[in-house]
Protein backbone atom coordinates (compact mmCIF):
# COMPACT_ATOMS: atom_id res chain seq x y z
CA MET A 1 81.58 113.88 146.15
CA ALA A 2 85.41 114.83 145.89
CA VAL A 3 87.49 113.63 142.90
CA LYS A 4 89.68 111.60 145.60
CA ASP A 5 86.09 109.51 147.07
CA PHE A 6 85.04 109.10 143.39
CA PHE A 7 88.07 107.22 142.35
CA LYS A 8 88.07 105.23 145.80
CA ASN A 9 84.73 104.24 144.38
CA ILE A 10 85.71 102.83 141.22
CA PHE A 11 87.82 100.01 142.60
CA SER A 12 85.37 99.42 145.52
CA ASN A 13 83.51 96.55 143.58
CA SER A 14 87.06 95.12 142.30
CA SER A 15 88.00 92.12 144.46
CA SER A 16 91.79 90.58 144.31
CA GLY A 17 90.91 87.98 146.71
CA SER A 18 92.60 87.26 150.15
CA THR A 19 94.98 84.63 149.20
CA GLN A 20 98.57 85.04 149.85
CA LYS A 21 100.70 86.61 147.58
CA GLN A 22 104.27 87.32 146.72
CA TYR A 23 106.17 89.35 144.49
CA ALA A 24 106.10 88.00 140.45
CA ARG A 25 109.35 86.56 139.49
CA PHE A 26 110.76 87.46 135.99
CA LEU A 27 112.85 85.99 133.96
CA ASP A 28 115.70 89.14 133.76
CA GLY A 29 115.63 88.96 137.28
CA ASN A 30 114.78 92.45 138.17
CA SER A 31 112.50 93.48 140.93
CA PRO A 32 109.00 93.82 139.74
CA VAL A 33 108.42 97.29 141.37
CA PHE A 34 108.12 100.07 139.12
CA THR A 35 108.10 104.19 140.50
CA GLN A 36 106.48 106.40 137.72
CA PHE A 37 108.53 107.92 136.33
CA GLY A 38 111.07 110.51 135.24
CA GLN A 39 109.57 113.46 133.82
CA ASN A 40 112.40 116.06 133.18
CA VAL A 41 112.16 116.27 129.57
CA TYR A 42 109.27 117.42 129.27
CA ALA A 43 110.09 120.73 130.41
CA SER A 44 111.04 121.05 126.84
CA ASP A 45 108.52 123.03 124.89
CA VAL A 46 109.38 121.34 121.77
CA VAL A 47 108.83 117.80 123.66
CA GLN A 48 105.40 118.99 124.78
CA MET A 49 104.70 120.18 121.44
CA CYS A 50 105.32 116.96 119.71
CA ILE A 51 103.39 114.89 122.49
CA ASP A 52 100.63 117.59 122.06
CA VAL A 53 100.53 116.76 118.30
CA ILE A 54 99.91 113.25 118.30
CA ALA A 55 97.68 113.14 121.14
CA THR A 56 95.36 115.62 119.53
CA GLU A 57 95.56 113.66 116.23
CA CYS A 58 94.83 110.52 118.15
CA SER A 59 91.85 112.10 119.80
CA LYS A 60 90.22 111.88 116.39
CA LEU A 61 90.11 108.10 116.41
CA GLN A 62 86.50 106.67 116.42
CA PRO A 63 86.59 103.36 119.02
CA LYS A 64 84.27 100.41 117.93
CA HIS A 65 83.37 97.43 118.89
CA ILE A 66 82.69 95.22 115.96
CA ARG A 67 82.42 91.48 115.07
CA VAL A 68 84.14 89.70 111.89
CA ASP A 69 81.74 87.04 110.69
CA SER A 70 83.23 83.82 109.16
CA ASP A 71 82.98 85.30 105.55
CA GLY A 72 85.46 88.13 107.20
CA MET A 73 82.60 90.75 106.87
CA GLN A 74 82.71 93.49 109.68
CA ARG A 75 79.29 93.71 111.48
CA ASN A 76 78.84 96.51 114.07
CA VAL A 77 77.55 95.23 117.39
CA LYS A 78 75.29 96.67 119.92
CA SER A 79 77.47 96.54 123.29
CA SER A 80 77.89 98.78 126.06
CA PHE A 81 81.67 99.67 124.73
CA ASN A 82 79.99 101.26 121.76
CA ARG A 83 77.63 103.26 123.89
CA LEU A 84 80.21 104.46 126.24
CA PHE A 85 82.84 105.53 123.63
CA LYS A 86 79.96 107.29 121.59
CA PHE A 87 80.52 110.34 123.70
CA ALA A 88 82.01 109.55 127.43
CA PRO A 89 83.73 106.67 128.32
CA ASN A 90 83.56 107.98 132.16
CA GLU A 91 81.60 110.49 134.39
CA LEU A 92 84.51 112.92 133.75
CA MET A 93 85.92 112.79 130.32
CA THR A 94 84.66 112.77 126.65
CA THR A 95 85.90 110.26 124.19
CA ARG A 96 88.09 112.89 122.86
CA ASP A 97 89.75 113.83 126.41
CA PHE A 98 90.14 110.26 127.11
CA ILE A 99 92.15 109.09 124.17
CA GLU A 100 94.38 112.51 124.39
CA LYS A 101 94.88 111.91 128.41
CA VAL A 102 95.88 108.29 127.69
CA ILE A 103 98.29 109.23 125.10
CA TRP A 104 100.16 111.95 127.34
CA LEU A 105 100.15 109.40 130.07
CA LEU A 106 101.94 106.71 127.61
CA PHE A 107 104.18 109.23 126.56
CA MET A 108 105.12 110.70 129.81
CA ASN A 109 105.60 107.14 131.40
CA TYR A 110 106.13 104.86 128.47
CA ASN A 111 103.14 103.07 130.40
CA ALA A 112 99.68 103.60 130.45
CA PHE A 113 97.09 101.91 132.74
CA ILE A 114 93.29 101.92 132.06
CA TYR A 115 90.82 100.29 134.66
CA PRO A 116 87.31 99.25 132.81
CA THR A 117 84.43 98.92 135.45
CA TYR A 118 81.85 96.40 134.54
CA GLU A 119 78.92 94.57 135.75
CA MET A 120 78.14 91.05 135.52
CA ARG A 121 75.02 90.36 133.75
CA ASP A 122 72.98 87.11 132.53
CA ASP A 123 72.65 87.19 128.65
CA GLY A 124 69.28 85.14 128.60
CA ARG A 125 70.91 81.92 127.84
CA GLY A 126 72.27 81.24 130.99
CA ASN A 127 75.98 82.82 130.41
CA LEU A 128 77.32 85.65 132.61
CA THR A 129 78.68 88.37 130.37
CA LYS A 130 80.52 91.71 131.60
CA ASN A 131 78.50 95.02 131.25
CA TYR A 132 80.75 97.56 130.93
CA THR A 133 80.28 100.94 132.82
CA GLY A 134 83.37 103.04 132.37
CA PHE A 135 86.86 103.15 131.40
CA TYR A 136 89.29 105.21 133.57
CA PRO A 137 92.86 106.35 132.83
CA LEU A 138 95.29 105.52 135.95
CA ASN A 139 98.12 107.74 136.97
CA PRO A 140 99.97 105.66 139.54
CA THR A 141 102.77 107.15 141.35
CA ASP A 142 104.47 103.07 141.95
CA VAL A 143 103.65 99.82 140.57
CA VAL A 144 104.21 96.47 141.88
CA PHE A 145 103.49 93.22 140.41
CA LEU A 146 102.62 90.25 142.54
CA GLN A 147 101.34 86.56 142.19
CA ASP A 148 99.67 84.03 144.07
CA SER A 149 100.14 80.82 145.06
CA ILE A 150 98.95 79.33 141.54
CA GLY A 151 100.71 81.64 139.40
CA ARG A 152 98.02 84.31 138.94
CA LEU A 153 99.49 88.05 138.22
CA PHE A 154 98.31 90.89 140.16
CA VAL A 155 99.56 94.90 140.09
CA GLU A 156 99.43 96.70 143.17
CA LEU A 157 98.89 100.34 142.37
CA HIS A 158 100.10 103.31 144.55
CA PHE A 159 98.64 106.70 144.28
CA ALA A 160 99.91 110.01 145.29
CA ASN A 161 97.45 110.49 147.83
CA GLY A 162 98.61 107.36 149.86
CA ASP A 163 95.98 105.25 148.42
CA LYS A 164 96.85 101.69 147.12
CA PHE A 165 94.73 98.87 145.11
CA THR A 166 95.42 95.41 144.15
CA LEU A 167 93.87 94.34 141.11
CA PRO A 168 93.84 91.13 138.70
CA TYR A 169 96.55 91.70 135.82
CA ASN A 170 94.01 90.57 133.62
CA ASP A 171 91.59 93.24 134.32
CA ILE A 172 93.83 96.00 133.30
CA ILE A 173 94.44 97.69 129.86
CA HIS A 174 98.22 97.81 129.97
CA LEU A 175 99.68 100.26 127.12
CA ARG A 176 103.30 100.16 126.45
CA LYS A 177 105.81 102.30 124.43
CA LYS A 178 109.22 100.99 123.75
CA PHE A 179 108.63 97.72 125.20
CA SER A 180 112.08 96.10 125.08
CA VAL A 181 114.23 94.83 127.50
CA ASN A 182 111.69 94.89 131.03
CA ASP A 183 109.50 91.50 130.76
CA ILE A 184 106.33 93.24 131.79
CA MET A 185 107.07 97.52 131.54
CA GLY A 186 107.63 99.72 128.79
CA GLY A 187 110.64 101.90 128.81
CA GLY A 188 114.05 100.50 129.92
CA ALA A 189 115.10 97.88 131.82
CA ASP A 190 113.87 99.49 135.13
CA GLY A 191 110.40 100.04 133.68
CA GLN A 192 111.00 103.84 133.09
CA PRO A 193 111.55 106.04 130.49
CA ASP A 194 114.98 105.92 128.96
CA ASN A 195 115.44 109.33 127.95
CA GLN A 196 119.21 109.88 128.69
CA ALA A 197 119.87 110.25 124.75
CA LEU A 198 117.04 112.90 124.38
CA LEU A 199 118.15 114.79 127.69
CA LYS A 200 121.98 115.19 126.58
CA VAL A 201 120.36 116.78 123.28
CA LEU A 202 117.51 119.12 125.30
CA GLN A 203 120.68 120.24 127.67
CA ILE A 204 122.54 121.27 124.66
CA ASN A 205 119.38 122.99 123.15
CA ASP A 206 118.61 124.81 126.38
CA THR A 207 122.61 125.81 126.63
CA VAL A 208 122.29 127.40 123.18
CA LEU A 209 119.30 129.08 123.74
CA GLN A 210 120.57 130.85 127.28
CA GLY A 211 123.63 131.62 125.19
CA VAL A 212 121.40 133.80 122.31
CA GLU A 213 119.25 135.33 125.14
CA LYS A 214 122.68 136.66 126.76
CA ALA A 215 124.02 137.89 123.37
CA ILE A 216 120.98 139.53 122.70
CA LYS A 217 120.60 141.32 125.94
CA THR A 218 124.52 142.29 125.49
CA SER A 219 124.02 143.76 122.66
CA LEU A 220 121.01 145.82 123.48
CA SER A 221 122.66 146.93 127.11
CA ILE A 222 126.15 148.42 126.04
CA ARG A 223 126.11 150.90 123.59
CA GLY A 224 129.28 152.97 124.01
CA ILE A 225 132.06 154.19 126.78
CA LEU A 226 132.21 157.70 127.89
CA LYS A 227 136.05 158.14 128.52
CA ILE A 228 136.74 160.90 131.02
CA ASN A 229 140.37 162.26 130.49
CA THR A 230 140.95 163.39 134.01
CA MET A 231 141.14 162.04 137.54
CA MET A 232 137.95 161.77 139.26
CA ASP A 233 136.72 160.43 142.70
CA ASP A 234 133.71 157.93 142.34
CA ASP A 235 131.33 160.77 143.47
CA ALA A 236 132.44 163.05 140.24
CA GLN A 237 132.30 160.15 137.94
CA LYS A 238 128.74 159.45 138.59
CA LYS A 239 127.92 163.33 138.67
CA GLU A 240 129.86 163.13 135.12
CA ARG A 241 127.88 160.14 133.75
CA ASP A 242 124.56 161.50 134.72
CA LYS A 243 125.42 164.61 132.62
CA PHE A 244 126.28 162.98 129.84
CA GLU A 245 123.04 160.46 130.11
CA ALA A 246 120.95 163.87 130.29
CA LYS A 247 122.56 165.20 127.18
CA ILE A 248 121.52 161.63 125.49
CA ALA A 249 118.56 162.36 126.69
CA GLY A 250 117.99 165.91 125.54
CA GLY A 251 119.70 165.55 122.20
CA LYS A 252 116.81 165.53 119.95
CA ALA A 253 118.87 166.91 116.87
CA GLY A 254 121.17 163.65 117.17
CA ILE A 255 124.12 165.93 118.09
CA LEU A 256 125.99 165.26 121.50
CA PRO A 257 128.15 168.38 122.48
CA LEU A 258 131.14 167.50 124.99
CA ASP A 259 133.83 169.62 126.40
CA LEU A 260 137.42 168.75 126.25
CA LYS A 261 137.32 166.41 129.30
CA GLY A 262 135.29 163.68 127.71
CA ASP A 263 135.52 161.38 124.71
CA TYR A 264 132.66 158.91 123.63
CA VAL A 265 133.74 155.62 122.25
CA ASP A 266 130.87 154.04 120.21
CA ILE A 267 130.65 150.13 120.09
CA LYS A 268 129.24 148.54 117.45
CA PRO A 269 127.11 145.36 118.69
CA ASP A 270 128.12 142.35 117.09
CA PRO A 271 126.55 139.50 118.93
CA LYS A 272 127.73 136.07 118.15
CA ILE A 273 124.65 134.00 117.84
CA VAL A 274 124.75 130.30 116.93
CA ASP A 275 123.91 129.73 113.20
CA LYS A 276 120.60 128.45 111.72
CA ASP A 277 121.83 124.98 110.73
CA THR A 278 122.88 124.30 114.16
CA LEU A 279 119.47 125.40 116.08
CA GLU A 280 117.47 123.58 113.27
CA PHE A 281 120.03 120.40 113.60
CA LEU A 282 119.17 120.34 117.43
CA GLN A 283 115.39 120.70 117.17
CA SER A 284 115.13 117.97 114.57
CA LYS A 285 116.83 115.61 117.02
CA VAL A 286 114.30 116.07 119.31
CA LEU A 287 111.54 116.13 116.45
CA ASN A 288 113.06 112.56 115.28
CA ASN A 289 112.66 110.92 118.63
CA TYR A 290 109.06 111.60 118.64
CA GLY A 291 108.43 110.83 114.89
CA VAL A 292 107.03 114.36 114.55
CA SER A 293 108.54 116.47 111.26
CA MET A 294 108.65 120.36 111.38
CA PRO A 295 105.68 120.78 108.83
CA ILE A 296 103.65 118.56 111.12
CA LEU A 297 104.40 120.07 113.98
CA SER A 298 103.76 123.76 112.37
CA GLY A 299 100.52 122.25 110.45
CA ASP A 300 101.66 123.25 106.94
CA PHE A 301 102.00 119.84 105.87
CA THR A 302 101.58 118.16 102.69
CA ASP A 303 99.22 114.49 101.89
CA GLU A 304 102.49 112.69 101.52
CA GLN A 305 103.91 114.15 104.61
CA TYR A 306 100.94 113.57 106.64
CA GLN A 307 100.77 109.92 105.13
CA ALA A 308 104.52 109.46 106.76
CA PHE A 309 103.55 110.53 110.03
CA TYR A 310 100.64 108.52 110.13
CA GLU A 311 102.37 105.28 109.15
CA LYS A 312 105.88 106.04 111.27
CA THR A 313 103.95 107.49 114.38
CA LEU A 314 100.01 107.10 114.58
CA GLU A 315 99.51 103.71 112.97
CA PRO A 316 101.71 101.81 115.40
CA LEU A 317 99.57 103.39 118.50
CA ILE A 318 96.42 102.97 116.65
CA ILE A 319 97.34 99.05 116.04
CA SER A 320 98.39 98.76 120.04
CA PHE A 321 95.32 100.24 121.26
CA GLY A 322 93.01 98.21 119.92
CA GLN A 323 94.81 94.80 120.65
CA ALA A 324 95.35 95.83 124.22
CA PHE A 325 91.67 96.80 124.51
CA SER A 326 90.49 93.49 122.58
CA LYS A 327 92.80 91.49 124.78
CA THR A 328 91.57 92.61 128.32
CA ILE A 329 87.78 93.44 127.42
CA PHE A 330 87.44 89.89 125.59
CA THR A 331 87.22 86.58 126.30
CA ASP A 332 89.12 83.87 124.44
CA ARG A 333 85.87 82.64 123.36
CA GLU A 334 84.68 86.23 122.17
CA ILE A 335 87.62 86.63 120.77
CA ASP A 336 87.14 83.27 118.72
CA VAL A 337 83.96 84.18 117.51
CA GLY A 338 85.42 87.62 115.82
CA ASN A 339 84.79 90.31 118.64
CA GLU A 340 87.14 93.10 118.38
CA ILE A 341 87.82 96.89 119.08
CA VAL A 342 88.94 98.95 116.02
CA PHE A 343 90.45 102.52 116.54
CA TYR A 344 89.18 103.88 113.50
CA PRO A 345 91.42 106.70 111.94
CA GLN A 346 88.74 107.82 109.53
CA LYS A 347 88.98 111.53 110.47
CA LEU A 348 92.63 111.68 110.29
CA LEU A 349 93.08 110.07 106.99
CA PHE A 350 90.36 112.33 105.22
CA THR A 351 91.04 115.50 106.04
CA ASN A 352 91.42 117.74 103.30
CA THR A 353 88.62 117.92 100.43
CA LYS A 354 90.64 116.30 97.96
CA ASN A 355 90.48 113.12 99.89
CA LYS A 356 87.09 113.47 101.00
CA ILE A 357 85.74 113.73 97.03
CA ALA A 358 88.13 110.80 96.37
CA VAL A 359 86.48 108.36 99.05
CA ALA A 360 83.21 109.83 98.30
CA ASP A 361 83.69 108.74 94.69
CA ILE A 362 85.06 105.30 95.22
CA LEU A 363 82.87 104.00 98.35
CA GLY A 364 79.83 106.31 97.23
CA ASN A 365 79.59 104.49 94.18
CA ARG A 366 79.80 101.29 95.47
CA GLY A 367 77.23 101.71 98.18
CA GLY A 368 79.67 101.69 100.56
CA LEU A 369 78.43 104.75 102.21
CA THR A 370 74.93 106.22 102.92
CA ASN A 371 73.90 109.35 101.57
CA ASN A 372 73.82 110.79 105.26
CA GLU A 373 77.55 109.29 105.53
CA LEU A 374 78.60 110.79 102.60
CA LEU A 375 76.78 114.44 103.68
CA ALA A 376 78.54 114.15 107.27
CA LEU A 377 81.74 113.47 105.49
CA PHE A 378 81.78 117.24 104.04
CA GLY A 379 80.41 119.03 107.08
CA TYR A 380 76.43 118.65 106.29
CA PRO A 381 73.90 117.57 108.64
CA PRO A 382 71.72 114.14 107.63
CA TYR A 383 67.88 114.43 106.17
CA GLU A 384 65.24 112.12 107.04
CA GLY A 385 65.49 108.73 104.56
CA GLY A 386 69.20 109.69 103.77
CA ASP A 387 70.08 106.34 105.34
CA VAL A 388 70.13 104.42 101.72
CA ARG A 389 72.87 102.97 100.15
CA ASN A 390 73.16 104.04 95.98
CA MET A 391 75.72 102.48 93.68
CA SER A 392 76.38 103.25 90.34
CA LEU A 393 75.67 99.99 87.83
CA ASN A 394 78.92 100.03 86.46
CA TYR A 395 80.08 97.40 88.92
CA ILE A 396 78.89 94.20 89.38
CA ASP A 397 79.24 91.54 91.99
CA VAL A 398 82.42 89.24 91.27
CA LYS A 399 80.01 86.12 92.06
CA LEU A 400 77.98 87.41 89.35
CA ALA A 401 80.60 88.55 86.60
CA GLY A 402 81.15 84.88 85.30
CA GLN A 403 77.41 84.04 84.89
CA TYR A 404 76.98 87.57 83.12
CA GLN A 405 79.71 86.90 80.79
CA LEU A 406 78.67 83.59 80.23
CA LYS A 407 75.07 84.63 79.51
CA LYS A 408 76.32 87.22 76.85
CA ALA A 409 78.33 84.70 75.10
CA ASN A 410 75.07 82.44 74.74
CA MET A 411 73.22 85.32 73.16
CA LYS A 412 75.86 85.82 70.71
CA GLU A 413 76.23 82.58 69.70
CA ALA A 414 72.32 82.05 69.61
CA GLU A 415 72.33 85.28 67.35
CA LYS A 416 75.24 83.82 65.11
CA ASN A 417 73.30 80.53 64.40
CA VAL A 418 69.79 82.16 63.33
CA GLN A 419 72.04 84.42 61.12
CA ASP A 420 73.43 81.23 59.64
């Protein structure tokens, strides 16, 4: 099956109803028709490297469907979501591929749309629930928001091959970047990336780099001038120049013989190249726009530098992913009883051996990790019977601490009475 037909089949079971629809009306008065989206800033290698770093780090996230009980404890749930995101949320992508693609779409368009496919099933108690069969990142060329006679919001997605599909907006996972002046889309007022300020910096940076390239070429191409002290026509000048070049090529001793007709004037190359501070300033303007520092870009960072990168750039993305997925996947009732999607950053935060030892010491001693989980933290395979939790006797349940101390106090009081 062709990829084109494959994506058509994804939407074949979706139904938007046959009721009459009109353009959705937004409070800002703008038209609800959005075109995807300017891409000229992505010709810059620095921009691509910044997005690639963010996408690569986010691809290490571990999406999980959990349930938080009335005591605030998180419980793992056996669900179709966890089954899909363990390895492959759809037939074309692994979980890592999926997250990386969504990040690229989000940073390129300031909006990312994900369509979850599902089947309705009876849970055995007479309730219909959604059994998810796949999650697909979409890359539409145009997006139109519509509403029906009772105010329900729909999104009409147009694709590059001419296909279009109208879907309930509640069925679409919609991620936004720089969600500000537009009522429903990320980016600027027109629902597109507002890259004007960044474009100016990139244009200056490109002009500087072109100037450096030309200066280097010029310094390597002209090394001297041959002054011919007689009047010659063009053919004669060419013959004299050819003879001079032949002498240069054959001058093994480094001594160039000339007759009285010619003088050689040496040109000492001194190209004026933009100083290092200016180049670094221009590059830092681009890096700061994406929240990526030079140590993060090069991979030579300290724990403190990575922590700053995580808190400033990655953590807001991780939070928005969890909230957007939870909002679309679960009903209000399911959210009320504690269901949510969490994108766990464990593989991001514990990247070096020192941090792994620290988390193993803290969580391992308190029974927070099984023996096999501790082995996995350091890259070792599990062993049979290793799914047990051990804890140090130096710690005690806070509920038992008061009883323990009271018992100790009573024992001391009893010992004192015996001695008296």
